[in-house]
Every structure is written in structure tokens, then in C-alpha cells.
């Protein structure tokens, strides 16, 4: 499962992205990988571990909903 969100506001010089993906790791856990930053620049990355795929996907949906409430849109 993946999500790519962006926020644009030229008047405020805002051009941001937020990417998330759910991936299995080698130890039987699931990883929610998050990347964010300014479009066209290198950003930051965070990896969160979950016991199963359902928990990781639920976290992705929760974060995606929170970002959409802050004017991010799916790309």
C-alpha cells in the first residue's frame, strides 16, 4: 500500500510532499516508510515497525487523513 500527497500554495511559497509505503522486512515485521520535504529537494525519512500488515496500513490511513485535513492532496 502506498500514498503520495502534496501541498501547494504559491502565495506562501509552499511546495511540499509526503510519501508513505507499507513494506515487509526480513524479520517478519511490517514497516511504514515515510518521506517528506520540499518538492525538488531531498527530504527526511522515518521508518516505523509494526507487528502485522493491518496495523501498518491502518497507521498509513490515519496519517493520510491527518495530512488531507492540512490541505495535502493525493497525487
C-alpha atoms as a PDB file:
ATOM      1  CA  UNK A   1       0.000   0.000   0.000  1.00  0.00           C
ATOM      2  CA  UNK A   2       1.306   3.445  -0.929  1.00  0.00           C
ATOM      3  CA  UNK A   3       0.237   7.084  -0.698  1.00  0.00           C
ATOM      4  CA  UNK A   4       1.729  10.223  -2.237  1.00  0.00           C
ATOM      5  CA  UNK A   5       0.425  13.599  -1.042  1.00  0.00           C
ATOM      6  CA  UNK A   6       1.380  17.132  -1.989  1.00  0.00           C
ATOM      7  CA  UNK A   7       0.590  20.610  -0.731  1.00  0.00           C
ATOM      8  CA  UNK A   8       0.929  23.704  -2.924  1.00  0.00           C
ATOM      9  CA  UNK A   9       0.377  27.372  -2.072  1.00  0.00           C
ATOM     10  CA  UNK A  10       2.343  29.703  -4.379  1.00  0.00           C
ATOM     11  CA  UNK A  11       1.378  32.803  -2.367  1.00  0.00           C
ATOM     12  CA  UNK A  12       3.054  31.349   0.731  1.00  0.00           C
ATOM     13  CA  UNK A  13       5.867  29.652  -1.245  1.00  0.00           C
ATOM     14  CA  UNK A  14       4.694  26.214  -0.099  1.00  0.00           C
ATOM     15  CA  UNK A  15       5.506  23.161  -2.225  1.00  0.00           C
ATOM     16  CA  UNK A  16       5.679  20.062  -0.025  1.00  0.00           C
ATOM     17  CA  UNK A  17       5.363  16.327  -0.492  1.00  0.00           C
ATOM     18  CA  UNK A  18       4.618  13.437   1.854  1.00  0.00           C
ATOM     19  CA  UNK A  19       5.085   9.819   0.694  1.00  0.00           C
ATOM     20  CA  UNK A  20       4.215   6.681   2.618  1.00  0.00           C
ATOM     21  CA  UNK A  21       4.538   2.992   1.848  1.00  0.00           C
ATOM     22  CA  UNK A  22       3.961  -0.238   3.763  1.00  0.00           C
ATOM     23  CA  UNK A  23       6.626  -2.910   3.209  1.00  0.00           C
ATOM     24  CA  UNK A  24       7.595  -6.226   4.841  1.00  0.00           C
ATOM     25  CA  UNK A  25      11.063  -6.559   6.321  1.00  0.00           C
ATOM     26  CA  UNK A  26      13.325  -9.594   6.663  1.00  0.00           C
ATOM     27  CA  UNK A  27      12.271 -10.282  10.261  1.00  0.00           C
ATOM     28  CA  UNK A  28       8.543 -10.859   9.680  1.00  0.00           C
ATOM     29  CA  UNK A  29       7.564  -7.339  10.710  1.00  0.00           C
ATOM     30  CA  UNK A  30       5.977  -4.613   8.604  1.00  0.00           C
ATOM     31  CA  UNK A  31       7.489  -1.194   8.019  1.00  0.00           C
ATOM     32  CA  UNK A  32       5.710   2.090   7.395  1.00  0.00           C
ATOM     33  CA  UNK A  33       8.222   4.213   5.493  1.00  0.00           C
ATOM     34  CA  UNK A  34       7.526   7.956   5.462  1.00  0.00           C
ATOM     35  CA  UNK A  35       9.342  10.551   3.368  1.00  0.00           C
ATOM     36  CA  UNK A  36       8.615  14.272   3.420  1.00  0.00           C
ATOM     37  CA  UNK A  37      10.109  17.568   2.394  1.00  0.00           C
ATOM     38  CA  UNK A  38      10.063  20.344  -0.168  1.00  0.00           C
ATOM     39  CA  UNK A  39       9.322  19.288  -3.741  1.00  0.00           C
ATOM     40  CA  UNK A  40      12.546  19.156  -5.741  1.00  0.00           C
ATOM     41  CA  UNK A  41      14.771  18.788  -2.679  1.00  0.00           C
ATOM     42  CA  UNK A  42      15.978  15.928  -0.558  1.00  0.00           C
ATOM     43  CA  UNK A  43      13.737  15.292   2.388  1.00  0.00           C
ATOM     44  CA  UNK A  44      13.604  13.344   5.605  1.00  0.00           C
ATOM     45  CA  UNK A  45      12.760   9.677   6.113  1.00  0.00           C
ATOM     46  CA  UNK A  46      11.258   7.820   9.038  1.00  0.00           C
ATOM     47  CA  UNK A  47      10.614   4.082   9.384  1.00  0.00           C
ATOM     48  CA  UNK A  48       8.110   2.710  11.909  1.00  0.00           C
ATOM     49  CA  UNK A  49       7.808  -1.021  12.665  1.00  0.00           C
ATOM     50  CA  UNK A  50       4.520  -2.891  13.139  1.00  0.00           C
ATOM     51  CA  UNK A  51       3.718  -6.484  14.079  1.00  0.00           C
ATOM     52  CA  UNK A  52       1.428  -7.051  11.105  1.00  0.00           C
ATOM     53  CA  UNK A  53       0.352  -5.562   7.792  1.00  0.00           C
ATOM     54  CA  UNK A  54      -3.083  -4.471   9.050  1.00  0.00           C
ATOM     55  CA  UNK A  55      -1.568  -2.274  11.781  1.00  0.00           C
ATOM     56  CA  UNK A  56       0.860  -0.668   9.339  1.00  0.00           C
ATOM     57  CA  UNK A  57      -1.881   0.038   6.787  1.00  0.00           C
ATOM     58  CA  UNK A  58      -4.125   1.470   9.499  1.00  0.00           C
ATOM     59  CA  UNK A  59      -1.332   3.840  10.539  1.00  0.00           C
ATOM     60  CA  UNK A  60      -0.843   4.869   6.900  1.00  0.00           C
ATOM     61  CA  UNK A  61      -4.566   5.666   6.560  1.00  0.00           C
ATOM     62  CA  UNK A  62      -4.579   7.639   9.827  1.00  0.00           C
ATOM     63  CA  UNK A  63      -1.567   9.716   8.756  1.00  0.00           C
ATOM     64  CA  UNK A  64      -3.002  10.213   5.270  1.00  0.00           C
ATOM     65  CA  UNK A  65      -6.289  11.501   6.725  1.00  0.00           C
ATOM     66  CA  UNK A  66      -4.427  13.888   9.035  1.00  0.00           C
ATOM     67  CA  UNK A  67      -2.392  15.281   6.124  1.00  0.00           C
ATOM     68  CA  UNK A  68      -5.507  15.763   3.977  1.00  0.00           C
ATOM     69  CA  UNK A  69      -7.045  17.803   6.804  1.00  0.00           C
ATOM     70  CA  UNK A  70      -3.986  20.069   6.489  1.00  0.00           C
ATOM     71  CA  UNK A  71      -4.624  20.728   2.764  1.00  0.00           C
ATOM     72  CA  UNK A  72      -2.469  17.949   1.302  1.00  0.00           C
ATOM     73  CA  UNK A  73      -3.997  16.261  -1.757  1.00  0.00           C
ATOM     74  CA  UNK A  74      -3.396  12.788  -3.203  1.00  0.00           C
ATOM     75  CA  UNK A  75      -1.326  12.739  -6.372  1.00  0.00           C
END
